[in-house]
Amino acid sequence: MKNINKSLELSLLIIFLFLFVSCYSQETPSIPKWFEPAIESSHSVFEEDKEILNYNFSEIINDKRCEFIGYIGDNYQKMCMHFDKVEKESNTTYRVIGYSVVKSNKCSFSGYIQIIDIRELNEYEYGVDDFMKGQVKRQGICIARYNFEQDNTQENSGIFSGILLLRWYIDNKLNYDDINDDSDNYSNNQFLGIWSSYSTNEKKKCAWGQYRIPDCGDLDIGAAEFSVNPVYASNGWDIDSSNNCSKISSSWYGDYSVEIDLPHSNLKENTEAYIVTYAIIYQPDECKYYKMQLNSNDIFDCEVMTTTTDSISFRAIGDFTPNTEGKPLVTLYKKDDKFYISGPFIFDSNYKTDMLIEIEKVK
């Protein structure tokens, strides 16, 4: 009986999505193959678990660690999507404000994302060497529909509508699921749908996402990361055919260092023992974090956890790494052309952790 109910649930969801997508385009008559594995490897908790709707998915939807990459039309014309604001309005409804860019045409839009199903994975994923095992309490996907209306006073404007799949997990809070971001086929925040012109009623298939683009045919020929098929390079991709995530990450390359005086109540003057130096070396072929005091030096190899235009966080890798409970070992921030550092093991001059400390980018 359990298997029958599961099959019925899966069939009903696929039928619903089939009808939803079909009503927007004759070009998309069925649920794409990329969608099916996520549904088949999970079960719905949408109706039975009302508590999960209390979580706020807006930070996942508007996560800035990686710019969206996308296309519009049968010729896979490059399309950039950007969300300025995502706000939760009800348990299932989120308000979105942003803009799209196609060629030289930038067009603002606003609209809604409506959650239609929240599903939990049948088997949790813990990443490389099960590094998240014991920390993941729940893990799954969220399926939603979206409708974004562009400003009709702007040139070549219309309406974006379609379906969205995002990945989440819960430890002590709801998180963007980047646990398997080392895998070649990793993706999140996957949008697929149709753009409909106000003036001509013309409809064009469009899609965008983070790290990968859903249902993009032979546009993406990359193995380890998104890479554009040279056939489509002239459709906007020759300007920057690289993965936008890599582009953001590389903007942080550099050597960073700061020296902090840690006063001691039994000493009238500071000594070398109470001076600590924090440093980060982040280059294309090197990532190291340093904490140096007299007779006490911590040096860890590291890797990027998240990247945005305003911050980049790192986790320690290798043997004898400190337990940060899934949080970054150290995060760099940029504000008003200045850089700051913060982390659970980084102290300011008052011995307080998780404080923003200004750090110099030495090269």
Protein backbone atom coordinates (compact mmCIF):
# COMPACT_ATOMS: atom_id res chain seq x y z
CA MET A 1 0.00 0.00 0.00
CA LYS A 2 2.89 2.36 0.81
CA ASN A 3 4.42 1.83 -2.65
CA ILE A 4 1.04 2.42 -4.29
CA ASN A 5 0.56 5.70 -2.42
CA LYS A 6 4.06 6.81 -3.36
CA SER A 7 3.45 6.04 -7.04
CA LEU A 8 0.13 7.87 -6.94
CA GLU A 9 1.72 10.90 -5.28
CA LEU A 10 4.47 10.99 -7.91
CA SER A 11 2.00 10.62 -10.76
CA LEU A 12 -0.23 13.42 -9.46
CA LEU A 13 2.71 15.80 -9.06
CA ILE A 14 4.03 15.07 -12.55
CA ILE A 15 0.51 15.57 -14.01
CA PHE A 16 0.21 18.88 -12.18
CA LEU A 17 3.56 20.11 -13.44
CA PHE A 18 2.75 18.84 -16.92
CA LEU A 19 -0.46 20.88 -17.01
CA PHE A 20 1.23 23.91 -15.48
CA VAL A 21 4.10 24.05 -17.97
CA SER A 22 1.95 23.07 -20.96
CA CYS A 23 -0.41 25.97 -20.44
CA TYR A 24 2.46 28.38 -21.07
CA SER A 25 3.97 26.85 -24.17
CA GLN A 26 3.43 24.31 -26.89
CA GLU A 27 7.22 24.07 -27.02
CA THR A 28 7.42 22.49 -23.55
CA PRO A 29 4.78 19.73 -23.60
CA SER A 30 6.21 17.53 -20.85
CA ILE A 31 8.25 17.61 -17.69
CA PRO A 32 11.94 17.76 -18.66
CA LYS A 33 14.22 14.89 -17.76
CA TRP A 34 16.30 16.98 -15.34
CA PHE A 35 13.27 17.35 -13.08
CA GLU A 36 12.34 13.70 -12.71
CA PRO A 37 15.28 12.36 -10.62
CA ALA A 38 14.70 15.00 -7.92
CA ILE A 39 11.05 13.98 -7.65
CA GLU A 40 11.69 10.25 -7.74
CA SER A 41 14.36 10.40 -5.01
CA SER A 42 12.17 12.34 -2.57
CA HIS A 43 8.76 12.32 -0.90
CA SER A 44 6.35 15.16 -0.25
CA VAL A 45 6.02 16.62 3.25
CA PHE A 46 3.98 19.60 2.06
CA GLU A 47 0.61 18.46 3.41
CA GLU A 48 1.60 16.48 6.49
CA ASP A 49 4.28 18.79 7.92
CA LYS A 50 2.89 22.29 8.37
CA GLU A 51 5.90 23.34 10.46
CA ILE A 52 8.19 23.33 7.45
CA LEU A 53 6.19 26.15 5.88
CA ASN A 54 7.23 28.36 8.79
CA TYR A 55 10.77 28.40 7.41
CA ASN A 56 11.77 31.35 5.24
CA PHE A 57 13.16 30.29 1.85
CA SER A 58 13.87 33.87 0.72
CA GLU A 59 17.58 33.74 1.61
CA ILE A 60 18.01 30.59 -0.47
CA ILE A 61 16.16 32.05 -3.46
CA ASN A 62 18.18 35.26 -3.24
CA ASP A 63 21.51 33.65 -2.37
CA LYS A 64 24.34 35.64 -3.93
CA ARG A 65 27.22 33.14 -3.79
CA CYS A 66 26.88 32.65 -7.52
CA GLU A 67 25.36 34.81 -10.24
CA PHE A 68 22.56 33.34 -12.32
CA ILE A 69 23.48 32.12 -15.78
CA GLY A 70 20.68 31.76 -18.31
CA TYR A 71 19.38 31.81 -21.86
CA ILE A 72 16.30 32.83 -23.80
CA GLY A 73 15.02 31.52 -27.14
CA ASP A 74 15.79 28.53 -29.34
CA ASN A 75 19.19 29.98 -30.24
CA TYR A 76 20.23 30.05 -26.54
CA GLN A 77 20.76 33.81 -26.46
CA LYS A 78 22.55 34.68 -23.22
CA MET A 79 20.27 36.17 -20.56
CA CYS A 80 21.36 37.56 -17.20
CA MET A 81 18.89 37.53 -14.29
CA HIS A 82 19.33 39.39 -11.03
CA PHE A 83 17.13 39.50 -7.91
CA ASP A 84 17.35 42.73 -5.92
CA LYS A 85 14.89 41.66 -3.24
CA VAL A 86 13.03 38.51 -2.18
CA GLU A 87 10.54 38.75 0.69
CA LYS A 88 8.26 36.18 2.27
CA GLU A 89 4.63 37.35 2.22
CA SER A 90 2.95 34.15 3.41
CA ASN A 91 3.84 30.53 4.10
CA THR A 92 3.82 29.77 0.37
CA THR A 93 4.20 33.16 -1.34
CA TYR A 94 7.36 35.20 -1.95
CA ARG A 95 7.59 38.64 -3.53
CA VAL A 96 10.48 39.15 -5.97
CA ILE A 97 11.95 42.34 -7.46
CA GLY A 98 14.79 42.27 -9.98
CA TYR A 99 15.86 42.81 -13.56
CA SER A 100 16.89 40.90 -16.68
CA VAL A 101 19.51 41.76 -19.28
CA VAL A 102 19.43 40.43 -22.86
CA LYS A 103 22.03 41.94 -25.18
CA SER A 104 21.92 45.65 -24.30
CA ASN A 105 18.29 45.59 -23.12
CA LYS A 106 17.90 45.83 -19.34
CA CYS A 107 14.36 45.42 -18.05
CA SER A 108 13.09 45.54 -14.46
CA PHE A 109 10.44 43.14 -13.19
CA SER A 110 8.44 42.25 -10.10
CA GLY A 111 6.28 39.28 -9.26
CA TYR A 112 5.77 36.23 -7.11
CA ILE A 113 7.08 32.77 -6.38
CA GLN A 114 4.42 30.33 -5.16
CA ILE A 115 5.52 27.13 -3.42
CA ILE A 116 3.56 24.10 -4.66
CA ASP A 117 5.49 21.29 -2.98
CA ILE A 118 8.23 20.73 -0.39
CA ARG A 119 9.90 17.34 -0.56
CA GLU A 120 12.37 15.54 1.69
CA LEU A 121 15.11 13.32 0.26
CA ASN A 122 14.64 9.60 0.78
CA GLU A 123 18.38 9.32 1.44
CA TYR A 124 20.35 12.31 2.72
CA GLU A 125 23.56 13.43 1.01
CA TYR A 126 26.56 14.32 3.19
CA GLY A 127 29.16 15.45 0.66
CA VAL A 128 32.76 14.42 0.12
CA ASP A 129 33.93 11.91 2.77
CA ASP A 130 30.54 12.39 4.51
CA PHE A 131 31.85 15.64 6.03
CA MET A 132 28.29 16.75 6.92
CA LYS A 133 27.18 13.47 8.48
CA GLY A 134 25.67 14.04 11.91
CA GLN A 135 24.93 17.68 11.13
CA VAL A 136 22.12 17.34 8.58
CA LYS A 137 18.77 16.92 10.32
CA ARG A 138 16.63 17.23 7.19
CA GLN A 139 17.34 17.72 3.50
CA GLY A 140 15.21 18.15 0.42
CA ILE A 141 13.93 20.19 -2.47
CA CYS A 142 11.30 22.85 -2.92
CA ILE A 143 9.17 23.06 -6.07
CA ALA A 144 7.49 26.35 -6.94
CA ARG A 145 5.97 28.27 -9.79
CA TYR A 146 6.95 31.84 -10.64
CA ASN A 147 5.41 34.79 -12.47
CA PHE A 148 7.53 37.91 -13.02
CA GLU A 149 6.02 40.87 -14.86
CA GLN A 150 8.42 43.27 -16.54
CA ASP A 151 7.78 47.01 -16.66
CA ASN A 152 5.52 47.41 -19.73
CA THR A 153 6.89 50.90 -20.41
CA GLN A 154 10.33 49.44 -21.14
CA GLU A 155 11.45 48.15 -24.52
CA ASN A 156 11.00 44.46 -25.40
CA SER A 157 9.20 43.68 -22.14
CA GLY A 158 6.94 40.81 -21.20
CA ILE A 159 6.23 38.17 -18.54
CA PHE A 160 8.41 35.36 -17.22
CA SER A 161 6.49 32.34 -15.94
CA GLY A 162 7.40 28.75 -15.18
CA ILE A 163 8.67 26.36 -12.51
CA LEU A 164 11.51 26.48 -10.00
CA LEU A 165 13.44 23.82 -8.12
CA LEU A 166 15.67 24.71 -5.18
CA ARG A 167 17.68 22.56 -2.76
CA TRP A 168 17.74 23.01 1.03
CA TYR A 169 18.92 21.34 4.23
CA ILE A 170 18.37 21.94 7.93
CA ASP A 171 20.92 21.68 10.73
CA ASN A 172 19.84 24.17 13.37
CA LYS A 173 18.36 26.40 10.68
CA LEU A 174 17.31 26.35 7.04
CA ASN A 175 20.28 26.49 4.64
CA TYR A 176 21.07 26.70 0.93
CA ASP A 177 22.13 23.14 0.09
CA ASP A 178 25.69 23.39 -1.20
CA ILE A 179 26.82 20.13 0.40
CA ASN A 180 27.50 18.49 -2.96
CA ASP A 181 28.82 21.58 -4.74
CA ASP A 182 32.04 19.70 -5.51
CA SER A 183 30.19 17.32 -7.84
CA ASP A 184 30.32 18.03 -11.57
CA ASN A 185 26.55 18.15 -12.06
CA TYR A 186 25.77 20.27 -8.98
CA SER A 187 23.21 23.06 -9.38
CA ASN A 188 20.68 25.01 -7.34
CA ASN A 189 17.89 27.55 -7.87
CA GLN A 190 16.90 26.14 -11.25
CA PHE A 191 14.28 28.19 -13.16
CA LEU A 192 12.60 26.92 -16.33
CA GLY A 193 9.74 28.53 -18.21
CA ILE A 194 8.53 30.88 -20.89
CA TRP A 195 8.89 34.57 -21.63
CA SER A 196 5.79 36.09 -23.29
CA SER A 197 6.03 39.46 -25.08
CA TYR A 198 3.48 42.13 -24.16
CA SER A 199 3.44 43.67 -27.64
CA THR A 200 3.54 40.62 -29.93
CA ASN A 201 2.46 37.72 -27.67
CA GLU A 202 5.56 35.92 -28.92
CA LYS A 203 6.69 33.18 -26.54
CA LYS A 204 10.28 32.13 -25.97
CA LYS A 205 11.59 29.32 -23.83
CA CYS A 206 13.98 30.56 -21.14
CA ALA A 207 15.89 29.12 -18.20
CA TRP A 208 18.44 30.20 -15.65
CA GLY A 209 20.12 28.85 -12.55
CA GLN A 210 23.20 28.79 -10.34
CA TYR A 211 26.22 26.76 -11.48
CA ARG A 212 24.20 25.10 -14.27
CA ILE A 213 21.20 25.93 -16.48
CA PRO A 214 18.29 23.46 -16.53
CA ASP A 215 17.06 21.89 -19.75
CA CYS A 216 19.62 23.67 -21.93
CA GLY A 217 20.17 21.05 -24.63
CA ASP A 218 23.66 21.18 -26.10
CA LEU A 219 24.42 24.70 -24.82
CA ASP A 220 26.45 23.43 -21.85
CA ILE A 221 29.26 21.09 -22.86
CA GLY A 222 31.25 21.42 -19.65
CA ALA A 223 32.17 18.44 -17.48
CA ALA A 224 33.39 19.95 -14.20
CA GLU A 225 31.58 23.27 -14.65
CA PHE A 226 29.35 25.20 -17.03
CA SER A 227 31.01 25.74 -20.41
CA VAL A 228 29.36 27.16 -23.54
CA ASN A 229 29.20 25.22 -26.79
CA PRO A 230 31.20 27.27 -29.33
CA VAL A 231 28.26 26.95 -31.72
CA TYR A 232 26.37 29.49 -29.57
CA ALA A 233 29.31 31.69 -28.57
CA SER A 234 28.21 34.57 -30.80
CA ASN A 235 24.81 34.73 -29.05
CA GLY A 236 26.19 36.83 -26.21
CA TRP A 237 28.42 34.16 -24.70
CA ASP A 238 31.64 35.26 -26.41
CA ILE A 239 31.70 38.32 -24.12
CA ASP A 240 32.12 36.08 -21.09
CA SER A 241 31.65 32.38 -21.71
CA SER A 242 33.05 31.41 -18.33
CA ASN A 243 31.07 30.41 -15.28
CA ASN A 244 29.99 33.58 -13.50
CA CYS A 245 30.70 31.88 -10.17
CA SER A 246 34.35 31.57 -11.11
CA LYS A 247 34.36 35.19 -12.20
CA ILE A 248 33.15 36.40 -8.80
CA SER A 249 35.50 34.13 -6.90
CA SER A 250 38.58 35.27 -8.84
CA SER A 251 37.87 38.90 -7.95
CA TRP A 252 38.88 38.01 -4.38
CA TYR A 253 42.35 36.71 -5.29
CA GLY A 254 44.99 38.30 -3.08
CA ASP A 255 47.02 38.17 0.13
CA TYR A 256 45.36 39.59 3.25
CA SER A 257 46.92 40.31 6.64
CA VAL A 258 46.15 42.08 9.93
CA GLU A 259 47.99 42.35 13.28
CA ILE A 260 45.94 42.60 16.49
CA ASP A 261 47.16 43.63 19.95
CA LEU A 262 45.64 41.44 22.68
CA PRO A 263 46.16 43.26 26.02
CA HIS A 264 46.91 41.22 29.15
CA SER A 265 45.71 42.45 32.54
CA ASN A 266 48.96 41.44 34.29
CA LEU A 267 51.21 43.33 31.91
CA LYS A 268 51.67 47.08 31.70
CA GLU A 269 52.79 46.80 28.10
CA ASN A 270 51.96 44.41 25.31
CA THR A 271 54.52 41.79 24.48
CA GLU A 272 55.04 39.76 21.34
CA ALA A 273 53.14 36.88 22.98
CA TYR A 274 49.99 38.95 22.94
CA ILE A 275 50.19 40.08 19.38
CA VAL A 276 48.33 37.88 16.93
CA THR A 277 48.51 38.00 13.14
CA TYR A 278 45.73 36.73 10.93
CA ALA A 279 46.43 36.16 7.25
CA ILE A 280 44.76 34.64 4.21
CA ILE A 281 46.42 33.75 0.94
CA TYR A 282 43.85 33.16 -1.77
CA GLN A 283 45.28 32.65 -5.25
CA PRO A 284 44.28 30.48 -8.27
CA ASP A 285 46.59 27.70 -7.08
CA GLU A 286 46.69 28.33 -3.32
CA CYS A 287 44.33 28.85 -0.41
CA LYS A 288 45.77 29.09 3.12
CA TYR A 289 44.66 30.58 6.43
CA TYR A 290 47.18 31.64 9.10
CA LYS A 291 46.84 32.54 12.77
CA MET A 292 50.28 33.35 14.20
CA GLN A 293 51.36 34.08 17.76
CA LEU A 294 54.61 33.51 19.62
CA ASN A 295 55.14 29.72 19.82
CA SER A 296 51.61 29.12 18.55
CA ASN A 297 50.92 29.05 14.83
CA ASP A 298 47.86 27.61 13.13
CA ILE A 299 48.11 27.07 9.37
CA PHE A 300 45.31 25.42 7.40
CA ASP A 301 44.72 24.70 3.76
CA CYS A 302 41.29 26.01 2.85
CA GLU A 303 38.65 26.08 0.14
CA VAL A 304 35.85 28.45 -0.79
CA MET A 305 32.44 27.78 0.77
CA THR A 306 30.42 30.72 -0.56
CA THR A 307 31.18 33.68 -2.79
CA THR A 308 29.35 36.92 -3.48
CA THR A 309 30.46 40.35 -4.66
CA ASP A 310 30.49 41.48 -0.99
CA SER A 311 31.90 38.47 0.86
CA ILE A 312 33.76 35.21 0.49
CA SER A 313 33.92 32.45 3.12
CA PHE A 314 36.37 29.58 3.54
CA ARG A 315 36.37 26.20 5.25
CA ALA A 316 39.52 24.44 6.46
CA ILE A 317 40.44 21.18 4.75
CA GLY A 318 42.89 18.42 5.56
CA ASP A 319 43.84 16.76 8.84
CA PHE A 320 43.27 18.27 12.30
CA THR A 321 40.87 20.97 11.10
CA PRO A 322 38.91 22.79 13.82
CA ASN A 323 35.24 21.92 14.31
CA THR A 324 33.19 24.88 13.12
CA GLU A 325 29.88 22.95 13.09
CA GLY A 326 29.44 23.47 9.37
CA LYS A 327 30.08 27.21 9.52
CA PRO A 328 32.97 28.98 7.75
CA LEU A 329 36.36 29.02 9.42
CA VAL A 330 36.86 32.57 8.19
CA THR A 331 34.95 35.09 6.06
CA LEU A 332 36.24 38.12 4.18
CA TYR A 333 33.95 41.09 3.64
CA LYS A 334 34.26 44.13 1.40
CA LYS A 335 32.56 47.43 2.18
CA ASP A 336 33.37 50.92 0.89
CA ASP A 337 36.62 49.68 -0.67
CA LYS A 338 37.82 48.29 2.68
CA PHE A 339 38.21 44.65 3.67
CA TYR A 340 37.20 42.97 6.92
CA ILE A 341 37.72 39.52 8.43
CA SER A 342 35.56 37.53 10.83
CA GLY A 343 35.32 34.00 12.19
CA PRO A 344 34.64 31.82 15.24
CA PHE A 345 38.37 31.66 16.15
CA ILE A 346 39.29 35.24 15.29
CA PHE A 347 39.53 37.62 18.26
CA ASP A 348 39.43 41.40 18.27
CA SER A 349 41.41 43.45 20.80
CA ASN A 350 38.71 42.80 23.41
CA TYR A 351 38.92 39.01 22.96
CA LYS A 352 35.53 38.90 21.25
CA THR A 353 34.93 36.50 18.35
CA ASP A 354 32.79 36.85 15.22
CA MET A 355 33.55 40.58 15.11
CA LEU A 356 34.44 42.44 11.92
CA ILE A 357 38.13 43.34 11.95
CA GLU A 358 39.61 45.50 9.22
CA ILE A 359 42.28 43.66 7.24
CA GLU A 360 44.70 44.91 4.59
CA LYS A 361 44.88 43.42 1.13
CA VAL A 362 48.63 43.49 0.71
CA LYS A 363 48.65 42.35 -2.92
